[in-house]
Amino acid sequence: MLNDQNILVTGGTGSFGKRFVENILKRYNPTRLIIFSRDELKQWEMRQTFSDKKYDCIRYFIGDVRDRERLYRAMDGVDIVVHAAALKQVPTAEYNPIEAVKTNVLGAANLIDAAIDRNVKRVIALSTDKAAGPINLYGATKLCSDKLLTAANSYSGRHHTRFAVVRYGNVVGSRGSVIPLFLKMKKTGVVPVTDPRMTRFWITLDQGVEFVLASLERMEGGEIFVPKIPSMNMMDLARAIAPECRIEIVGIRPGEKLHEVMVPLGDGRNTLEFDDHYVILHPFHEWGGRDDYHHTRGGIRCTEDFEFSSDKNPRWLTAEQLLEMAQLHATSV
């Protein structure tokens, strides 16, 4: 599906963007692969690995999703957009709330307008488990972004641009992940854990890329795709990484949940279950996907009281599996 296509990745120099670009270059032959981001240093560093001289399809665009005109220029002739740009740090968003809104919410609105007016075929955006029943500003901005993007299908009209969202949990070893922190604190002999009851979803970067590619292919417009990924208790994680260390309970931080949720209560009635993922359908509109999903793709409608949360997950990681995931990430970076 990506051969001979013009693809643009916002936030293309981030952890996901770099791994996504690596996969595209290995497996497909796009006409253009545009890296759109605002940090010239990160683009320079990425160019050392993915040179536009070695890969003649690559283009590096300096730009910010806050800049509507720049998005219009960057999307000229683009077929597919993968939207990974966001302000993601919870404390940063709380301290700089308007900045988070400008990037995560108004940036999504700019992206929608540019994609429709430039006749982009498909847009798929990355979300987060923090957008499900949000308790911090970052999660609230991503929920708003999700709502804007899924509802954008009703604006595309004759342009036929389709929008969908992918929502998944913590990425093993990514920037800001607790695993690098535990490895660092292991040297001190003491590892901090916020609460012994805390659980989290886990996914590798490669699994995230694969899920985005699969969702990009099967999207009809208006969906939120949620992978069935395993959970792990944070105490088990700390013991797996630093078995010889003392664990110090430091308390839940502001804006942090005890358990993460990817399909919240209330969305069950709009959710279809498949073998390896869930699809949350837009509750107010249909763009031709609802009946098709339900009848021909084998989706089973969830009950009204369904919730997909990290503490009620039927799939759990063992310490060995988590360490293997972390090792795979470390050797592939």
Protein backbone atom coordinates (compact mmCIF):
# COMPACT_ATOMS: atom_id res chain seq x y z
CA MET A 1 0.00 0.00 0.00
CA LEU A 2 2.93 2.37 0.61
CA ASN A 3 4.79 1.71 -2.62
CA ASP A 4 4.85 4.70 -4.98
CA GLN A 5 3.15 6.86 -2.35
CA ASN A 6 4.08 10.27 -0.95
CA ILE A 7 4.22 9.89 2.84
CA LEU A 8 4.65 12.60 5.47
CA VAL A 9 5.51 11.90 9.13
CA THR A 10 4.97 14.72 11.62
CA GLY A 11 7.28 14.43 14.60
CA GLY A 12 9.42 12.32 12.30
CA THR A 13 12.61 12.67 14.37
CA GLY A 14 11.05 11.18 17.53
CA SER A 15 11.42 7.59 18.74
CA PHE A 16 8.42 6.36 16.77
CA GLY A 17 9.17 8.49 13.70
CA LYS A 18 12.70 7.15 13.30
CA ARG A 19 11.63 3.53 13.69
CA PHE A 20 8.70 4.06 11.32
CA VAL A 21 10.99 5.58 8.69
CA GLU A 22 13.46 2.72 9.10
CA ASN A 23 10.69 0.18 8.47
CA ILE A 24 9.33 2.03 5.45
CA LEU A 25 12.76 2.24 3.81
CA LYS A 26 13.38 -1.48 4.38
CA ARG A 27 10.01 -2.76 3.19
CA TYR A 28 8.53 -0.30 0.71
CA ASN A 29 9.44 1.99 -2.15
CA PRO A 30 7.72 5.32 -1.51
CA THR A 31 8.01 8.13 -4.01
CA ARG A 32 8.64 10.62 -1.22
CA LEU A 33 9.11 10.16 2.52
CA ILE A 34 8.91 13.55 4.25
CA ILE A 35 10.29 14.00 7.77
CA PHE A 36 8.42 16.97 9.26
CA SER A 37 9.69 18.29 12.60
CA ARG A 38 10.80 21.50 14.27
CA ASP A 39 14.25 20.53 15.63
CA GLU A 40 17.07 21.09 13.15
CA LEU A 41 19.61 19.27 15.35
CA LYS A 42 17.48 16.11 15.48
CA GLN A 43 17.02 16.29 11.72
CA TRP A 44 20.77 16.63 11.24
CA GLU A 45 21.36 13.62 13.52
CA MET A 46 18.73 11.57 11.72
CA ARG A 47 20.23 12.50 8.37
CA GLN A 48 23.48 10.78 9.46
CA THR A 49 21.57 7.47 9.44
CA PHE A 50 18.96 8.15 6.78
CA SER A 51 20.77 10.40 4.36
CA ASP A 52 18.77 12.04 1.60
CA LYS A 53 21.75 11.26 -0.63
CA LYS A 54 21.53 7.53 0.08
CA TYR A 55 17.72 7.47 0.04
CA ASP A 56 16.56 9.71 -2.77
CA CYS A 57 12.92 9.54 -1.56
CA ILE A 58 13.64 11.28 1.75
CA ARG A 59 12.89 14.97 2.33
CA TYR A 60 13.59 16.84 5.56
CA PHE A 61 11.15 19.67 6.30
CA ILE A 62 11.66 22.03 9.23
CA GLY A 63 8.21 22.98 10.47
CA ASP A 64 5.78 23.01 13.36
CA VAL A 65 2.21 21.69 13.35
CA ARG A 66 1.26 25.02 14.90
CA ASP A 67 2.19 26.65 11.57
CA ARG A 68 -0.81 26.09 9.31
CA GLU A 69 0.81 27.57 6.19
CA ARG A 70 3.90 25.38 6.56
CA LEU A 71 1.71 22.28 6.79
CA TYR A 72 -0.05 23.31 3.56
CA ARG A 73 3.32 23.56 1.82
CA ALA A 74 4.63 20.28 3.25
CA MET A 75 1.49 18.34 2.26
CA ASP A 76 1.53 19.39 -1.38
CA GLY A 77 1.07 16.12 -3.31
CA VAL A 78 1.11 13.96 -0.17
CA ASP A 79 -0.98 10.76 -0.12
CA ILE A 80 -0.56 9.53 3.47
CA VAL A 81 0.15 11.37 6.73
CA VAL A 82 1.30 9.71 9.95
CA HIS A 83 0.81 12.23 12.75
CA ALA A 84 3.25 11.60 15.61
CA ALA A 85 4.05 15.19 16.65
CA ALA A 86 3.00 16.13 20.20
CA LEU A 87 4.11 17.63 23.49
CA LYS A 88 4.12 14.44 25.57
CA GLN A 89 5.70 15.08 28.97
CA VAL A 90 3.00 15.24 31.67
CA PRO A 91 4.82 17.72 34.01
CA THR A 92 5.78 19.94 31.05
CA ALA A 93 2.17 20.11 29.89
CA GLU A 94 0.94 20.95 33.40
CA TYR A 95 3.46 23.78 33.74
CA ASN A 96 2.97 25.05 30.17
CA PRO A 97 -0.71 24.26 29.50
CA ILE A 98 -1.30 26.73 26.65
CA GLU A 99 1.76 25.40 24.81
CA ALA A 100 0.41 21.84 25.05
CA VAL A 101 -2.96 23.01 23.71
CA LYS A 102 -1.29 24.87 20.82
CA THR A 103 0.65 21.80 19.69
CA ASN A 104 -1.66 18.90 20.55
CA VAL A 105 -5.07 20.47 19.87
CA LEU A 106 -4.61 23.43 17.53
CA GLY A 107 -1.85 21.53 15.73
CA ALA A 108 -4.30 18.69 15.05
CA ALA A 109 -6.83 21.22 13.73
CA ASN A 110 -4.21 22.67 11.39
CA LEU A 111 -3.29 19.19 10.22
CA ILE A 112 -6.92 18.37 9.45
CA ASP A 113 -7.44 21.51 7.35
CA ALA A 114 -4.20 21.02 5.42
CA ALA A 115 -4.83 17.31 4.78
CA ILE A 116 -8.35 17.90 3.43
CA ASP A 117 -7.45 20.89 1.28
CA ARG A 118 -4.37 19.12 -0.13
CA ASN A 119 -6.41 15.98 -0.97
CA VAL A 120 -4.45 13.64 1.28
CA LYS A 121 -5.92 10.13 1.10
CA ARG A 122 -5.34 8.87 4.63
CA VAL A 123 -4.26 10.36 7.95
CA ILE A 124 -3.50 8.19 10.95
CA ALA A 125 -2.57 9.81 14.26
CA LEU A 126 -0.83 8.44 17.35
CA SER A 127 -2.64 8.79 20.66
CA THR A 128 -2.02 7.52 24.18
CA ASP A 129 -3.71 5.55 26.94
CA LYS A 130 -3.68 8.82 28.91
CA ALA A 131 -6.41 10.12 26.56
CA ALA A 132 -8.88 7.56 27.95
CA GLY A 133 -10.55 9.13 31.00
CA PRO A 134 -7.78 11.76 31.29
CA ILE A 135 -6.71 13.16 34.66
CA ASN A 136 -3.85 15.34 33.40
CA LEU A 137 -3.62 18.05 30.77
CA TYR A 138 -1.55 15.99 28.35
CA GLY A 139 -4.23 13.28 28.34
CA ALA A 140 -6.97 15.90 27.99
CA THR A 141 -5.29 17.50 24.96
CA LYS A 142 -4.84 14.10 23.32
CA LEU A 143 -8.49 13.20 23.96
CA CYS A 144 -9.47 16.48 22.30
CA SER A 145 -7.10 15.72 19.43
CA ASP A 146 -8.62 12.24 19.04
CA LYS A 147 -12.11 13.74 18.91
CA LEU A 148 -11.05 16.31 16.30
CA LEU A 149 -9.36 13.74 14.10
CA THR A 150 -12.11 11.12 14.17
CA ALA A 151 -14.81 13.74 13.55
CA ALA A 152 -12.76 15.26 10.71
CA ASN A 153 -14.11 12.60 8.35
CA SER A 154 -17.37 14.55 8.21
CA TYR A 155 -15.50 17.62 6.91
CA SER A 156 -13.66 15.98 4.03
CA GLY A 157 -16.66 15.89 1.67
CA ARG A 158 -15.65 15.56 -1.97
CA HIS A 159 -11.98 15.35 -1.00
CA HIS A 160 -12.56 11.87 0.54
CA THR A 161 -9.72 12.29 3.05
CA ARG A 162 -10.02 9.68 5.79
CA PHE A 163 -8.79 10.07 9.38
CA ALA A 164 -8.20 7.48 12.12
CA VAL A 165 -6.33 7.19 15.43
CA VAL A 166 -4.08 4.57 17.03
CA ARG A 167 -4.00 4.39 20.83
CA TYR A 168 -1.48 2.29 22.76
CA GLY A 169 0.39 2.20 26.08
CA ASN A 170 3.92 2.58 27.39
CA VAL A 171 6.71 1.87 24.91
CA VAL A 172 9.51 -0.25 26.32
CA GLY A 173 12.72 1.77 26.56
CA SER A 174 11.39 4.93 24.90
CA ARG A 175 12.38 8.39 26.08
CA GLY A 176 10.63 9.05 29.38
CA SER A 177 10.03 5.33 30.01
CA VAL A 178 10.50 4.03 33.55
CA ILE A 179 12.87 1.27 32.40
CA PRO A 180 15.86 3.58 31.73
CA LEU A 181 15.16 5.20 35.12
CA PHE A 182 15.20 1.84 36.89
CA LEU A 183 18.45 0.89 35.14
CA LYS A 184 20.01 4.18 36.22
CA MET A 185 18.81 3.90 39.84
CA LYS A 186 19.96 0.28 39.99
CA LYS A 187 23.50 1.58 40.40
CA THR A 188 22.51 3.31 43.66
CA GLY A 189 21.03 0.18 45.23
CA VAL A 190 17.60 1.77 45.64
CA VAL A 191 14.80 1.72 43.03
CA PRO A 192 11.77 4.05 43.47
CA VAL A 193 8.27 2.70 42.85
CA THR A 194 5.29 5.01 43.12
CA ASP A 195 2.75 2.44 44.35
CA PRO A 196 3.03 -1.37 44.72
CA ARG A 197 -0.44 -1.80 43.15
CA MET A 198 0.36 0.17 39.99
CA THR A 199 0.02 -1.55 36.60
CA ARG A 200 0.84 -0.46 33.07
CA PHE A 201 0.38 -1.64 29.47
CA TRP A 202 3.59 -2.39 27.57
CA ILE A 203 4.46 -2.49 23.87
CA THR A 204 7.73 -2.41 21.94
CA LEU A 205 8.52 0.29 19.39
CA ASP A 206 8.49 -2.27 16.56
CA GLN A 207 5.10 -3.58 17.69
CA GLY A 208 3.82 -0.01 17.69
CA VAL A 209 5.04 0.56 14.13
CA GLU A 210 3.51 -2.72 12.95
CA PHE A 211 0.18 -1.83 14.53
CA VAL A 212 0.15 1.60 12.89
CA LEU A 213 0.89 0.05 9.49
CA ALA A 214 -1.86 -2.56 9.95
CA SER A 215 -4.33 0.11 11.10
CA LEU A 216 -3.42 2.34 8.18
CA GLU A 217 -4.35 -0.47 5.80
CA ARG A 218 -7.67 -1.44 7.41
CA MET A 219 -9.00 2.01 8.38
CA GLU A 220 -12.29 3.21 6.94
CA GLY A 221 -12.33 6.54 8.78
CA GLY A 222 -13.33 7.61 12.28
CA GLU A 223 -11.88 4.65 14.20
CA ILE A 224 -9.66 4.51 17.26
CA PHE A 225 -7.55 1.34 17.00
CA VAL A 226 -6.37 -0.25 20.26
CA PRO A 227 -3.95 -3.22 20.29
CA LYS A 228 -4.36 -6.09 22.74
CA ILE A 229 -1.08 -5.70 24.59
CA PRO A 230 -0.01 -7.17 27.95
CA SER A 231 0.19 -5.55 31.37
CA MET A 232 2.73 -5.73 34.15
CA ASN A 233 2.77 -4.73 37.79
CA MET A 234 5.38 -2.05 38.50
CA MET A 235 6.72 -3.91 41.54
CA ASP A 236 7.31 -6.98 39.37
CA LEU A 237 9.05 -4.75 36.83
CA ALA A 238 11.35 -3.23 39.47
CA ARG A 239 12.22 -6.65 40.88
CA ALA A 240 12.93 -7.99 37.37
CA ILE A 241 15.30 -5.15 36.48
CA ALA A 242 17.00 -4.74 39.88
CA PRO A 243 16.41 -7.92 41.94
CA GLU A 244 19.23 -7.09 44.36
CA CYS A 245 18.04 -3.54 45.10
CA ARG A 246 15.86 -2.15 47.85
CA ILE A 247 12.50 -0.84 46.58
CA GLU A 248 11.39 2.51 47.96
CA ILE A 249 7.69 3.44 47.73
CA VAL A 250 7.55 7.15 46.86
CA GLY A 251 3.83 7.71 46.20
CA ILE A 252 1.82 8.44 43.05
CA ARG A 253 2.91 11.60 41.26
CA PRO A 254 0.50 14.39 40.30
CA GLY A 255 -1.43 13.55 37.13
CA GLU A 256 -0.62 9.84 37.37
CA LYS A 257 -3.13 6.98 37.44
CA LEU A 258 -2.91 3.80 39.47
CA HIS A 259 -3.95 1.82 36.37
CA GLU A 260 -4.04 2.86 32.73
CA VAL A 261 -7.09 2.52 30.48
CA MET A 262 -7.31 2.23 26.69
CA VAL A 263 -11.03 1.56 26.24
CA PRO A 264 -12.84 3.45 29.01
CA LEU A 265 -16.23 2.66 30.49
CA GLY A 266 -18.87 4.22 28.28
CA ASP A 267 -17.05 3.37 25.05
CA GLY A 268 -17.82 -0.34 25.27
CA ARG A 269 -21.07 0.05 23.34
CA ASN A 270 -19.10 1.56 20.43
CA THR A 271 -16.26 -0.98 20.54
CA LEU A 272 -15.67 -4.06 18.39
CA GLU A 273 -13.30 -6.83 19.48
CA PHE A 274 -10.99 -8.64 17.04
CA ASP A 275 -8.36 -11.31 17.62
CA ASP A 276 -5.50 -8.91 18.31
CA HIS A 277 -7.12 -5.49 18.70
CA TYR A 278 -10.18 -3.42 19.51
CA VAL A 279 -11.80 -0.77 17.33
CA ILE A 280 -13.69 2.12 18.95
CA LEU A 281 -16.13 3.42 16.34
CA HIS A 282 -17.29 7.01 16.24
CA PRO A 283 -20.55 7.20 18.23
CA PHE A 284 -22.22 10.00 16.27
CA HIS A 285 -21.44 9.39 12.61
CA GLU A 286 -20.74 6.59 10.18
CA TRP A 287 -18.42 6.80 7.19
CA GLY A 288 -19.19 3.37 5.71
CA GLY A 289 -17.07 1.41 8.18
CA ARG A 290 -19.43 0.31 10.95
CA ASP A 291 -21.44 -2.42 9.17
CA ASP A 292 -18.43 -3.53 7.16
CA TYR A 293 -16.40 -4.07 10.32
CA HIS A 294 -19.20 -5.82 12.14
CA HIS A 295 -20.33 -8.20 9.42
CA THR A 296 -17.35 -8.97 7.18
CA ARG A 297 -14.27 -8.60 9.37
CA GLY A 298 -15.33 -10.78 12.27
CA GLY A 299 -15.59 -8.05 14.89
CA ILE A 300 -17.66 -8.85 17.98
CA ARG A 301 -19.46 -5.98 19.67
CA CYS A 302 -18.37 -5.45 23.27
CA THR A 303 -20.83 -5.13 26.15
CA GLU A 304 -21.85 -1.73 27.46
CA ASP A 305 -19.86 -2.24 30.66
CA PHE A 306 -16.68 -3.31 28.84
CA GLU A 307 -13.43 -1.63 29.87
CA PHE A 308 -9.87 -2.41 28.73
CA SER A 309 -7.65 -1.43 31.65
CA SER A 310 -4.17 -2.52 32.70
CA ASP A 311 -5.36 -4.09 35.97
CA LYS A 312 -8.17 -6.15 34.36
CA ASN A 313 -6.14 -7.29 31.38
CA PRO A 314 -6.21 -11.07 30.73
CA ARG A 315 -2.65 -10.88 29.33
CA TRP A 316 0.29 -10.34 31.71
CA LEU A 317 4.02 -10.14 31.11
CA THR A 318 6.44 -12.25 33.09
CA ALA A 319 9.69 -10.71 34.27
CA GLU A 320 11.58 -12.71 31.65
CA GLN A 321 9.33 -11.51 28.82
CA LEU A 322 9.68 -7.87 29.85
CA LEU A 323 13.47 -8.14 30.07
CA GLU A 324 13.52 -9.77 26.64
CA MET A 325 11.45 -6.88 25.24
CA ALA A 326 13.81 -4.37 26.84
CA GLN A 327 16.85 -6.20 25.46
CA LEU A 328 15.37 -6.27 21.96
CA HIS A 329 14.78 -2.52 22.17
CA ALA A 330 18.33 -1.85 23.41
CA THR A 331 19.96 -3.87 20.61
CA SER A 332 17.80 -2.29 17.90
CA VAL A 333 18.30 1.36 18.85
